[in-house]
PDB file of N, CA and C in Angstrom:
ATOM      1  N   UNK A   1      98.575 104.483 119.691  1.00  0.00           N
ATOM      2  CA  UNK A   1      97.610 103.429 119.465  1.00  0.00           C
ATOM      3  C   UNK A   1      96.218 103.871 119.939  1.00  0.00           C
ATOM      4  N   UNK A   2      96.179 104.501 121.097  1.00  0.00           N
ATOM      5  CA  UNK A   2      94.892 104.963 121.617  1.00  0.00           C
ATOM      6  C   UNK A   2      94.255 105.968 120.659  1.00  0.00           C
ATOM      7  N   UNK A   3      95.086 106.773 120.008  1.00  0.00           N
ATOM      8  CA  UNK A   3      94.588 107.748 119.033  1.00  0.00           C
ATOM      9  C   UNK A   3      93.828 107.042 117.921  1.00  0.00           C
ATOM     10  N   UNK A   4      94.375 105.928 117.424  1.00  0.00           N
ATOM     11  CA  UNK A   4      93.723 105.194 116.328  1.00  0.00           C
ATOM     12  C   UNK A   4      92.378 104.626 116.759  1.00  0.00           C
ATOM     13  N   UNK A   5      92.306 104.130 117.992  1.00  0.00           N
ATOM     14  CA  UNK A   5      91.047 103.579 118.491  1.00  0.00           C
ATOM     15  C   UNK A   5      89.994 104.683 118.595  1.00  0.00           C
ATOM     16  N   UNK A   6      90.385 105.813 119.160  1.00  0.00           N
ATOM     17  CA  UNK A   6      89.460 106.947 119.292  1.00  0.00           C
ATOM     18  C   UNK A   6      89.043 107.438 117.919  1.00  0.00           C
ATOM     19  N   UNK A   7      90.014 107.537 117.002  1.00  0.00           N
ATOM     20  CA  UNK A   7      89.716 108.018 115.647  1.00  0.00           C
ATOM     21  C   UNK A   7      88.745 107.069 114.950  1.00  0.00           C
ATOM     22  N   UNK A   8      88.992 105.743 115.063  1.00  0.00           N
ATOM     23  CA  UNK A   8      88.091 104.771 114.437  1.00  0.00           C
ATOM     24  C   UNK A   8      86.686 104.848 115.013  1.00  0.00           C
ATOM     25  N   UNK A   9      86.581 104.995 116.320  1.00  0.00           N
ATOM     26  CA  UNK A   9      85.278 105.135 116.968  1.00  0.00           C
ATOM     27  C   UNK A   9      84.577 106.396 116.476  1.00  0.00           C
ATOM     28  N   UNK A  10      85.313 107.488 116.361  1.00  0.00           N
ATOM     29  CA  UNK A  10      84.749 108.735 115.861  1.00  0.00           C
ATOM     30  C   UNK A  10      84.204 108.574 114.450  1.00  0.00           C
ATOM     31  N   UNK A  11      84.943 107.888 113.574  1.00  0.00           N
ATOM     32  CA  UNK A  11      84.497 107.685 112.192  1.00  0.00           C
ATOM     33  C   UNK A  11      83.220 106.835 112.140  1.00  0.00           C
ATOM     34  N   UNK A  12      83.122 105.819 112.973  1.00  0.00           N
ATOM     35  CA  UNK A  12      81.919 104.980 113.008  1.00  0.00           C
ATOM     36  C   UNK A  12      80.719 105.804 113.462  1.00  0.00           C
ATOM     37  N   UNK A  13      80.908 106.591 114.518  1.00  0.00           N
ATOM     38  CA  UNK A  13      79.820 107.461 114.976  1.00  0.00           C
ATOM     39  C   UNK A  13      79.408 108.457 113.901  1.00  0.00           C
ATOM     40  N   UNK A  14      80.396 109.025 113.225  1.00  0.00           N
ATOM     41  CA  UNK A  14      80.110 109.988 112.167  1.00  0.00           C
ATOM     42  C   UNK A  14      79.276 109.339 111.068  1.00  0.00           C
ATOM     43  N   UNK A  15      79.615 108.126 110.685  1.00  0.00           N
ATOM     44  CA  UNK A  15      78.860 107.411 109.651  1.00  0.00           C
ATOM     45  C   UNK A  15      77.443 107.090 110.115  1.00  0.00           C
ATOM     46  N   UNK A  16      77.303 106.723 111.378  1.00  0.00           N
ATOM     47  CA  UNK A  16      75.978 106.408 111.902  1.00  0.00           C
ATOM     48  C   UNK A  16      75.103 107.658 111.930  1.00  0.00           C
ATOM     49  N   UNK A  17      75.699 108.787 112.288  1.00  0.00           N
ATOM     50  CA  UNK A  17      74.953 110.038 112.314  1.00  0.00           C
ATOM     51  C   UNK A  17      74.489 110.407 110.906  1.00  0.00           C
ATOM     52  N   UNK A  18      75.344 110.172 109.930  1.00  0.00           N
ATOM     53  CA  UNK A  18      75.009 110.489 108.546  1.00  0.00           C
ATOM     54  C   UNK A  18      74.034 109.479 107.950  1.00  0.00           C
ATOM     55  N   UNK A  19      73.734 108.426 108.673  1.00  0.00           N
ATOM     56  CA  UNK A  19      72.762 107.445 108.207  1.00  0.00           C
ATOM     57  C   UNK A  19      73.325 106.441 107.221  1.00  0.00           C
ATOM     58  N   UNK A  20      74.639 106.288 107.180  1.00  0.00           N
ATOM     59  CA  UNK A  20      75.249 105.337 106.268  1.00  0.00           C
ATOM     60  C   UNK A  20      75.314 103.963 106.909  1.00  0.00           C
ATOM     61  N   UNK A  21      75.263 102.937 106.102  1.00  0.00           N
ATOM     62  CA  UNK A  21      75.408 101.586 106.618  1.00  0.00           C
ATOM     63  C   UNK A  21      76.877 101.354 106.943  1.00  0.00           C
ATOM     64  N   UNK A  22      77.148 100.927 108.148  1.00  0.00           N
ATOM     65  CA  UNK A  22      78.515 100.647 108.570  1.00  0.00           C
ATOM     66  C   UNK A  22      78.694  99.133 108.550  1.00  0.00           C
ATOM     67  N   UNK A  23      79.576  98.650 107.697  1.00  0.00           N
ATOM     68  CA  UNK A  23      79.834  97.220 107.637  1.00  0.00           C
ATOM     69  C   UNK A  23      81.096  96.917 108.430  1.00  0.00           C
ATOM     70  N   UNK A  24      81.178  95.712 108.919  1.00  0.00           N
ATOM     71  CA  UNK A  24      82.420  95.333 109.567  1.00  0.00           C
ATOM     72  C   UNK A  24      83.481  95.188 108.495  1.00  0.00           C
ATOM     73  N   UNK A  25      84.721  95.315 108.888  1.00  0.00           N
ATOM     74  CA  UNK A  25      85.783  95.230 107.901  1.00  0.00           C
ATOM     75  C   UNK A  25      85.826  93.852 107.251  1.00  0.00           C
ATOM     76  N   UNK A  26      85.441  92.796 108.012  1.00  0.00           N
ATOM     77  CA  UNK A  26      85.462  91.457 107.435  1.00  0.00           C
ATOM     78  C   UNK A  26      84.442  91.322 106.314  1.00  0.00           C
ATOM     79  N   UNK A  27      83.223  91.797 106.539  1.00  0.00           N
ATOM     80  CA  UNK A  27      82.186  91.717 105.503  1.00  0.00           C
ATOM     81  C   UNK A  27      82.582  92.519 104.270  1.00  0.00           C
ATOM     82  N   UNK A  28      83.002  93.742 104.480  1.00  0.00           N
ATOM     83  CA  UNK A  28      83.382  94.604 103.373  1.00  0.00           C
ATOM     84  C   UNK A  28      84.600  94.084 102.626  1.00  0.00           C
ATOM     85  N   UNK A  29      85.567  93.590 103.386  1.00  0.00           N
ATOM     86  CA  UNK A  29      86.784  93.052 102.767  1.00  0.00           C
ATOM     87  C   UNK A  29      86.444  91.867 101.886  1.00  0.00           C
ATOM     88  N   UNK A  30      85.577  90.993 102.375  1.00  0.00           N
ATOM     89  CA  UNK A  30      85.169  89.836 101.573  1.00  0.00           C
ATOM     90  C   UNK A  30      84.448  90.273 100.297  1.00  0.00           C
ATOM     91  N   UNK A  31      83.618  91.305 100.392  1.00  0.00           N
ATOM     92  CA  UNK A  31      82.921  91.818  99.206  1.00  0.00           C
ATOM     93  C   UNK A  31      83.918  92.376  98.195  1.00  0.00           C
ATOM     94  N   UNK A  32      84.885  93.124  98.669  1.00  0.00           N
ATOM     95  CA  UNK A  32      85.902  93.696  97.778  1.00  0.00           C
ATOM     96  C   UNK A  32      86.690  92.583  97.099  1.00  0.00           C
ATOM     97  N   UNK A  33      87.185  91.641  97.881  1.00  0.00           N
ATOM     98  CA  UNK A  33      87.998  90.557  97.316  1.00  0.00           C
ATOM     99  C   UNK A  33      87.198  89.680  96.362  1.00  0.00           C
ATOM    100  N   UNK A  34      85.919  89.466  96.646  1.00  0.00           N
ATOM    101  CA  UNK A  34      85.070  88.671  95.750  1.00  0.00           C
ATOM    102  C   UNK A  34      84.893  89.380  94.410  1.00  0.00           C
ATOM    103  N   UNK A  35      84.691  90.690  94.432  1.00  0.00           N
ATOM    104  CA  UNK A  35      84.552  91.439  93.181  1.00  0.00           C
ATOM    105  C   UNK A  35      85.854  91.400  92.383  1.00  0.00           C
ATOM    106  N   UNK A  36      86.989  91.488  93.060  1.00  0.00           N
ATOM    107  CA  UNK A  36      88.284  91.409  92.381  1.00  0.00           C
ATOM    108  C   UNK A  36      88.460  90.024  91.773  1.00  0.00           C
ATOM    109  N   UNK A  37      88.141  88.979  92.551  1.00  0.00           N
ATOM    110  CA  UNK A  37      88.280  87.601  92.048  1.00  0.00           C
ATOM    111  C   UNK A  37      87.399  87.331  90.838  1.00  0.00           C
ATOM    112  N   UNK A  38      86.200  87.923  90.824  1.00  0.00           N
ATOM    113  CA  UNK A  38      85.268  87.653  89.731  1.00  0.00           C
ATOM    114  C   UNK A  38      85.444  88.622  88.559  1.00  0.00           C
ATOM    115  N   UNK A  39      86.423  89.497  88.642  1.00  0.00           N
ATOM    116  CA  UNK A  39      86.731  90.375  87.518  1.00  0.00           C
ATOM    117  C   UNK A  39      85.775  91.545  87.350  1.00  0.00           C
ATOM    118  N   UNK A  40      85.323  92.122  88.447  1.00  0.00           N
ATOM    119  CA  UNK A  40      84.422  93.279  88.390  1.00  0.00           C
ATOM    120  C   UNK A  40      85.153  94.535  88.853  1.00  0.00           C
ATOM    121  N   UNK A  41      84.689  95.658  88.350  1.00  0.00           N
ATOM    122  CA  UNK A  41      85.223  96.938  88.819  1.00  0.00           C
ATOM    123  C   UNK A  41      84.703  97.166  90.230  1.00  0.00           C
ATOM    124  N   UNK A  42      85.572  97.587  91.113  1.00  0.00           N
ATOM    125  CA  UNK A  42      85.166  97.836  92.500  1.00  0.00           C
ATOM    126  C   UNK A  42      85.767  99.165  92.965  1.00  0.00           C
ATOM    127  N   UNK A  43      84.956  99.924  93.698  1.00  0.00           N
ATOM    128  CA  UNK A  43      85.371 101.202  94.269  1.00  0.00           C
ATOM    129  C   UNK A  43      85.350 101.047  95.783  1.00  0.00           C
ATOM    130  N   UNK A  44      86.431 101.423  96.440  1.00  0.00           N
ATOM    131  CA  UNK A  44      86.487 101.328  97.886  1.00  0.00           C
ATOM    132  C   UNK A  44      87.335 102.463  98.440  1.00  0.00           C
ATOM    133  N   UNK A  45      87.319 102.579  99.767  1.00  0.00           N
ATOM    134  CA  UNK A  45      87.919 103.747 100.383  1.00  0.00           C
ATOM    135  C   UNK A  45      88.836 103.345 101.530  1.00  0.00           C
ATOM    136  N   UNK A  46      89.919 104.076 101.665  1.00  0.00           N
ATOM    137  CA  UNK A  46      90.784 104.006 102.832  1.00  0.00           C
ATOM    138  C   UNK A  46      90.542 105.314 103.571  1.00  0.00           C
ATOM    139  N   UNK A  47      89.633 105.296 104.544  1.00  0.00           N
ATOM    140  CA  UNK A  47      89.232 106.543 105.194  1.00  0.00           C
ATOM    141  C   UNK A  47      90.325 107.108 106.094  1.00  0.00           C
ATOM    142  N   UNK A  48      91.206 106.265 106.602  1.00  0.00           N
ATOM    143  CA  UNK A  48      92.296 106.762 107.436  1.00  0.00           C
ATOM    144  C   UNK A  48      93.251 107.644 106.633  1.00  0.00           C
ATOM    145  N   UNK A  49      93.585 107.224 105.422  1.00  0.00           N
ATOM    146  CA  UNK A  49      94.469 107.997 104.549  1.00  0.00           C
ATOM    147  C   UNK A  49      93.693 108.989 103.683  1.00  0.00           C
ATOM    148  N   UNK A  50      92.373 108.974 103.780  1.00  0.00           N
ATOM    149  CA  UNK A  50      91.498 109.828 102.975  1.00  0.00           C
ATOM    150  C   UNK A  50      91.770 109.662 101.481  1.00  0.00           C
ATOM    151  N   UNK A  51      91.668 108.421 101.025  1.00  0.00           N
ATOM    152  CA  UNK A  51      91.893 108.110  99.618  1.00  0.00           C
ATOM    153  C   UNK A  51      90.810 107.151  99.131  1.00  0.00           C
ATOM    154  N   UNK A  52      90.315 107.417  97.922  1.00  0.00           N
ATOM    155  CA  UNK A  52      89.366 106.518  97.262  1.00  0.00           C
ATOM    156  C   UNK A  52      90.157 105.672  96.269  1.00  0.00           C
ATOM    157  N   UNK A  53      89.778 104.417  96.154  1.00  0.00           N
ATOM    158  CA  UNK A  53      90.506 103.482  95.296  1.00  0.00           C
ATOM    159  C   UNK A  53      89.553 102.825  94.303  1.00  0.00           C
ATOM    160  N   UNK A  54      90.097 102.500  93.147  1.00  0.00           N
ATOM    161  CA  UNK A  54      89.316 101.828  92.110  1.00  0.00           C
ATOM    162  C   UNK A  54      90.153 100.683  91.565  1.00  0.00           C
ATOM    163  N   UNK A  55      89.530  99.513  91.412  1.00  0.00           N
ATOM    164  CA  UNK A  55      90.176  98.374  90.779  1.00  0.00           C
ATOM    165  C   UNK A  55      89.483  98.107  89.459  1.00  0.00           C
ATOM    166  N   UNK A  56      90.283  98.027  88.397  1.00  0.00           N
ATOM    167  CA  UNK A  56      89.768  97.680  87.071  1.00  0.00           C
ATOM    168  C   UNK A  56      90.419  96.365  86.670  1.00  0.00           C
ATOM    169  N   UNK A  57      89.624  95.332  86.406  1.00  0.00           N
ATOM    170  CA  UNK A  57      90.206  94.019  86.086  1.00  0.00           C
ATOM    171  C   UNK A  57      90.957  94.026  84.767  1.00  0.00           C
ATOM    172  N   UNK A  58      91.968  93.155  84.686  1.00  0.00           N
ATOM    173  CA  UNK A  58      92.711  92.991  83.440  1.00  0.00           C
ATOM    174  C   UNK A  58      91.939  92.107  82.474  1.00  0.00           C
ATOM    175  N   UNK A  59      92.393  92.089  81.251  1.00  0.00           N
ATOM    176  CA  UNK A  59      91.727  91.278  80.229  1.00  0.00           C
ATOM    177  C   UNK A  59      92.234  89.843  80.259  1.00  0.00           C
ATOM    178  N   UNK A  60      91.321  88.903  80.105  1.00  0.00           N
ATOM    179  CA  UNK A  60      91.629  87.477  79.975  1.00  0.00           C
ATOM    180  C   UNK A  60      92.501  86.964  81.116  1.00  0.00           C
ATOM    181  N   UNK A  61      92.121  87.256  82.354  1.00  0.00           N
ATOM    182  CA  UNK A  61      92.823  86.727  83.514  1.00  0.00           C
ATOM    183  C   UNK A  61      94.110  87.437  83.889  1.00  0.00           C
ATOM    184  N   UNK A  62      94.449  88.500  83.190  1.00  0.00           N
ATOM    185  CA  UNK A  62      95.656  89.245  83.548  1.00  0.00           C
ATOM    186  C   UNK A  62      95.384  90.105  84.775  1.00  0.00           C
ATOM    187  N   UNK A  63      96.457  90.508  85.433  1.00  0.00           N
ATOM    188  CA  UNK A  63      96.360  91.341  86.620  1.00  0.00           C
ATOM    189  C   UNK A  63      95.721  92.681  86.278  1.00  0.00           C
ATOM    190  N   UNK A  64      94.802  93.117  87.120  1.00  0.00           N
ATOM    191  CA  UNK A  64      94.123  94.388  86.904  1.00  0.00           C
ATOM    192  C   UNK A  64      94.952  95.570  87.374  1.00  0.00           C
ATOM    193  N   UNK A  65      94.344  96.754  87.294  1.00  0.00           N
ATOM    194  CA  UNK A  65      95.028  97.983  87.689  1.00  0.00           C
ATOM    195  C   UNK A  65      94.273  98.645  88.830  1.00  0.00           C
ATOM    196  N   UNK A  66      95.020  99.294  89.691  1.00  0.00           N
ATOM    197  CA  UNK A  66      94.457 100.066  90.792  1.00  0.00           C
ATOM    198  C   UNK A  66      94.707 101.542  90.538  1.00  0.00           C
ATOM    199  N   UNK A  67      93.706 102.346  90.867  1.00  0.00           N
ATOM    200  CA  UNK A  67      93.826 103.797  90.759  1.00  0.00           C
ATOM    201  C   UNK A  67      93.425 104.395  92.094  1.00  0.00           C
ATOM    202  N   UNK A  68      94.024 105.532  92.429  1.00  0.00           N
ATOM    203  CA  UNK A  68      93.754 106.187  93.708  1.00  0.00           C
ATOM    204  C   UNK A  68      93.475 107.667  93.489  1.00  0.00           C
ATOM    205  N   UNK A  69      92.657 108.218  94.381  1.00  0.00           N
ATOM    206  CA  UNK A  69      92.328 109.644  94.379  1.00  0.00           C
ATOM    207  C   UNK A  69      92.308 110.135  95.816  1.00  0.00           C
ATOM    208  N   UNK A  70      93.154 111.100  96.106  1.00  0.00           N
ATOM    209  CA  UNK A  70      93.101 111.765  97.409  1.00  0.00           C
ATOM    210  C   UNK A  70      92.169 112.959  97.300  1.00  0.00           C
ATOM    211  N   UNK A  71      91.725 113.458  98.442  1.00  0.00           N
ATOM    212  CA  UNK A  71      90.958 114.706  98.442  1.00  0.00           C
ATOM    213  C   UNK A  71      91.793 115.785  97.762  1.00  0.00           C
ATOM    214  N   UNK A  72      91.170 116.616  96.978  1.00  0.00           N
ATOM    215  CA  UNK A  72      91.809 117.738  96.283  1.00  0.00           C
ATOM    216  C   UNK A  72      92.907 117.317  95.305  1.00  0.00           C
ATOM    217  N   UNK A  73      92.948 116.059  94.885  1.00  0.00           N
ATOM    218  CA  UNK A  73      93.995 115.589  93.957  1.00  0.00           C
ATOM    219  C   UNK A  73      93.382 114.771  92.830  1.00  0.00           C
ATOM    220  N   UNK A  74      94.067 114.735  91.711  1.00  0.00           N
ATOM    221  CA  UNK A  74      93.605 113.954  90.567  1.00  0.00           C
ATOM    222  C   UNK A  74      93.951 112.477  90.740  1.00  0.00           C
ATOM    223  N   UNK A  75      93.339 111.662  89.911  1.00  0.00           N
ATOM    224  CA  UNK A  75      93.542 110.218  89.935  1.00  0.00           C
ATOM    225  C   UNK A  75      94.941 109.855  89.444  1.00  0.00           C
ATOM    226  N   UNK A  76      95.513 108.818  90.054  1.00  0.00           N
ATOM    227  CA  UNK A  76      96.789 108.288  89.582  1.00  0.00           C
ATOM    228  C   UNK A  76      96.771 106.771  89.724  1.00  0.00           C
ATOM    229  N   UNK A  77      97.600 106.095  88.929  1.00  0.00           N
ATOM    230  CA  UNK A  77      97.685 104.642  89.001  1.00  0.00           C
ATOM    231  C   UNK A  77      98.624 104.246  90.133  1.00  0.00           C
ATOM    232  N   UNK A  78      98.266 103.195  90.851  1.00  0.00           N
ATOM    233  CA  UNK A  78      99.098 102.696  91.938  1.00  0.00           C
ATOM    234  C   UNK A  78      99.216 101.179  91.804  1.00  0.00           C
ATOM    235  N   UNK A  79      99.997 100.565  92.663  1.00  0.00           N
ATOM    236  CA  UNK A  79     100.233  99.122  92.589  1.00  0.00           C
ATOM    237  C   UNK A  79      99.462  98.410  93.701  1.00  0.00           C
ATOM    238  N   UNK A  80      99.206  97.132  93.507  1.00  0.00           N
ATOM    239  CA  UNK A  80      98.371  96.398  94.452  1.00  0.00           C
ATOM    240  C   UNK A  80      99.035  96.212  95.805  1.00  0.00           C
ATOM    241  N   UNK A  81     100.339  96.307  95.891  1.00  0.00           N
ATOM    242  CA  UNK A  81     101.020  96.108  97.163  1.00  0.00           C
ATOM    243  C   UNK A  81     101.269  97.419  97.925  1.00  0.00           C
ATOM    244  N   UNK A  82     100.736  98.521  97.418  1.00  0.00           N
ATOM    245  CA  UNK A  82     100.937  99.798  98.099  1.00  0.00           C
ATOM    246  C   UNK A  82     100.172  99.812  99.429  1.00  0.00           C
ATOM    247  N   UNK A  83     100.644 100.624 100.339  1.00  0.00           N
ATOM    248  CA  UNK A  83     100.050 100.720 101.675  1.00  0.00           C
ATOM    249  C   UNK A  83      98.583 101.130 101.611  1.00  0.00           C
ATOM    250  N   UNK A  84      98.251 102.123 100.777  1.00  0.00           N
ATOM    251  CA  UNK A  84      96.867 102.608 100.732  1.00  0.00           C
ATOM    252  C   UNK A  84      95.914 101.548 100.181  1.00  0.00           C
ATOM    253  N   UNK A  85      96.360 100.759  99.210  1.00  0.00           N
ATOM    254  CA  UNK A  85      95.510  99.698  98.657  1.00  0.00           C
ATOM    255  C   UNK A  85      95.296  98.608  99.700  1.00  0.00           C
ATOM    256  N   UNK A  86      96.362  98.161 100.338  1.00  0.00           N
ATOM    257  CA  UNK A  86      96.238  97.100 101.351  1.00  0.00           C
ATOM    258  C   UNK A  86      95.348  97.537 102.504  1.00  0.00           C
ATOM    259  N   UNK A  87      95.554  98.758 102.997  1.00  0.00           N
ATOM    260  CA  UNK A  87      94.719  99.244 104.093  1.00  0.00           C
ATOM    261  C   UNK A  87      93.265  99.422 103.658  1.00  0.00           C
ATOM    262  N   UNK A  88      93.060  99.878 102.418  1.00  0.00           N
ATOM    263  CA  UNK A  88      91.698 100.029 101.911  1.00  0.00           C
ATOM    264  C   UNK A  88      90.971  98.703 101.813  1.00  0.00           C
ATOM    265  N   UNK A  89      91.670  97.661 101.351  1.00  0.00           N
ATOM    266  CA  UNK A  89      91.059  96.335 101.280  1.00  0.00           C
ATOM    267  C   UNK A  89      90.758  95.800 102.674  1.00  0.00           C
ATOM    268  N   UNK A  90      91.677  96.029 103.609  1.00  0.00           N
ATOM    269  CA  UNK A  90      91.455  95.562 104.977  1.00  0.00           C
ATOM    270  C   UNK A  90      90.310  96.307 105.664  1.00  0.00           C
ATOM    271  N   UNK A  91      90.203  97.600 105.393  1.00  0.00           N
ATOM    272  CA  UNK A  91      89.114  98.377 105.987  1.00  0.00           C
ATOM    273  C   UNK A  91      87.769  97.905 105.462  1.00  0.00           C
ATOM    274  N   UNK A  92      87.723  97.545 104.195  1.00  0.00           N
ATOM    275  CA  UNK A  92      86.509  96.959 103.627  1.00  0.00           C
ATOM    276  C   UNK A  92      85.355  97.918 103.446  1.00  0.00           C
ATOM    277  N   UNK A  93      85.650  99.136 103.087  1.00  0.00           N
ATOM    278  CA  UNK A  93      84.588 100.143 102.930  1.00  0.00           C
ATOM    279  C   UNK A  93      84.331 100.393 101.436  1.00  0.00           C
ATOM    280  N   UNK A  94      83.312  99.773 100.901  1.00  0.00           N
ATOM    281  CA  UNK A  94      82.949  99.941  99.493  1.00  0.00           C
ATOM    282  C   UNK A  94      82.222 101.273  99.334  1.00  0.00           C
ATOM    283  N   UNK A  95      82.542 101.995  98.258  1.00  0.00           N
ATOM    284  CA  UNK A  95      81.875 103.264  97.976  1.00  0.00           C
ATOM    285  C   UNK A  95      81.251 103.195  96.584  1.00  0.00           C
ATOM    286  N   UNK A  96      80.394 104.137  96.295  1.00  0.00           N
ATOM    287  CA  UNK A  96      79.751 104.200  94.982  1.00  0.00           C
ATOM    288  C   UNK A  96      80.658 104.892  93.973  1.00  0.00           C
ATOM    289  N   UNK A  97      80.420 104.606  92.704  1.00  0.00           N
ATOM    290  CA  UNK A  97      81.183 105.217  91.623  1.00  0.00           C
ATOM    291  C   UNK A  97      81.079 106.739  91.669  1.00  0.00           C
ATOM    292  N   UNK A  98      79.916 107.247  91.979  1.00  0.00           N
ATOM    293  CA  UNK A  98      79.722 108.702  92.012  1.00  0.00           C
ATOM    294  C   UNK A  98      80.593 109.353  93.088  1.00  0.00           C
ATOM    295  N   UNK A  99      80.741 108.702  94.230  1.00  0.00           N
ATOM    296  CA  UNK A  99      81.617 109.261  95.273  1.00  0.00           C
ATOM    297  C   UNK A  99      83.059 109.239  94.803  1.00  0.00           C
ATOM    298  N   UNK A 100      83.471 108.136  94.157  1.00  0.00           N
ATOM    299  CA  UNK A 100      84.839 108.060  93.632  1.00  0.00           C
ATOM    300  C   UNK A 100      85.084 109.160  92.601  1.00  0.00           C
ATOM    301  N   UNK A 101      84.132 109.341  91.698  1.00  0.00           N
ATOM    302  CA  UNK A 101      84.288 110.342  90.647  1.00  0.00           C
ATOM    303  C   UNK A 101      84.432 111.753  91.207  1.00  0.00           C
ATOM    304  N   UNK A 102      83.791 112.025  92.326  1.00  0.00           N
ATOM    305  CA  UNK A 102      83.828 113.368  92.918  1.00  0.00           C
ATOM    306  C   UNK A 102      84.816 113.507  94.068  1.00  0.00           C
ATOM    307  N   UNK A 103      85.598 112.493  94.330  1.00  0.00           N
ATOM    308  CA  UNK A 103      86.482 112.490  95.493  1.00  0.00           C
ATOM    309  C   UNK A 103      87.487 113.638  95.463  1.00  0.00           C
ATOM    310  N   UNK A 104      87.996 113.949  94.287  1.00  0.00           N
ATOM    311  CA  UNK A 104      88.985 115.029  94.185  1.00  0.00           C
ATOM    312  C   UNK A 104      88.366 116.399  94.458  1.00  0.00           C
ATOM    313  N   UNK A 105      87.051 116.485  94.455  1.00  0.00           N
ATOM    314  CA  UNK A 105      86.371 117.752  94.735  1.00  0.00           C
ATOM    315  C   UNK A 105      86.096 117.943  96.229  1.00  0.00           C
ATOM    316  N   UNK A 106      86.212 116.856  96.998  1.00  0.00           N
ATOM    317  CA  UNK A 106      85.956 116.932  98.430  1.00  0.00           C
ATOM    318  C   UNK A 106      87.121 117.600  99.146  1.00  0.00           C
ATOM    319  N   UNK A 107      86.824 118.206 100.269  1.00  0.00           N
ATOM    320  CA  UNK A 107      87.861 118.878 101.047  1.00  0.00           C
ATOM    321  C   UNK A 107      88.195 118.032 102.272  1.00  0.00           C
ATOM    322  N   UNK A 108      89.459 117.870 102.528  1.00  0.00           N
ATOM    323  CA  UNK A 108      89.922 117.070 103.649  1.00  0.00           C
ATOM    324  C   UNK A 108      89.705 117.794 104.971  1.00  0.00           C
ATOM    325  N   UNK A 109      89.312 117.042 105.980  1.00  0.00           N
ATOM    326  CA  UNK A 109      89.211 117.659 107.299  1.00  0.00           C
ATOM    327  C   UNK A 109      90.597 117.792 107.951  1.00  0.00           C
ATOM    328  N   UNK A 110      91.615 117.166 107.360  1.00  0.00           N
ATOM    329  CA  UNK A 110      92.992 117.295 107.856  1.00  0.00           C
ATOM    330  C   UNK A 110      93.755 118.414 107.173  1.00  0.00           C
ATOM    331  N   UNK A 111      93.125 119.095 106.242  1.00  0.00           N
ATOM    332  CA  UNK A 111      93.807 120.087 105.416  1.00  0.00           C
ATOM    333  C   UNK A 111      94.460 121.211 106.229  1.00  0.00           C
ATOM    334  N   UNK A 112      93.817 121.634 107.303  1.00  0.00           N
ATOM    335  CA  UNK A 112      94.322 122.759 108.074  1.00  0.00           C
ATOM    336  C   UNK A 112      95.366 122.369 109.115  1.00  0.00           C
ATOM    337  N   UNK A 113      95.705 121.109 109.209  1.00  0.00           N
ATOM    338  CA  UNK A 113      96.691 120.674 110.203  1.00  0.00           C
ATOM    339  C   UNK A 113      98.098 120.946 109.774  1.00  0.00           C
TER     340      UNK A 113
END
């Protein structure tokens, strides 16, 4: 448990150093869920699992689709109840489309472990 707290603190510091806006998970989560409710495409990230996620709304009120991309991996379709989707929504970290599109080109810092 202590590892997760230290890791989360490290990620926040890293984002602050890079000059990125750090939102609380509640604010970000609400933004993600609002975009899903209103039928908009939303890109978000589960930084703990190092996966980028995309939600594409369904047509005429039908359930939309989720897609995921890990570092160094291609996109695949996933389900809304998967662990990475739930954690990504809870983390509330919205990313830009360009970051999602290039996510498979990024290198994981966990790769050498």
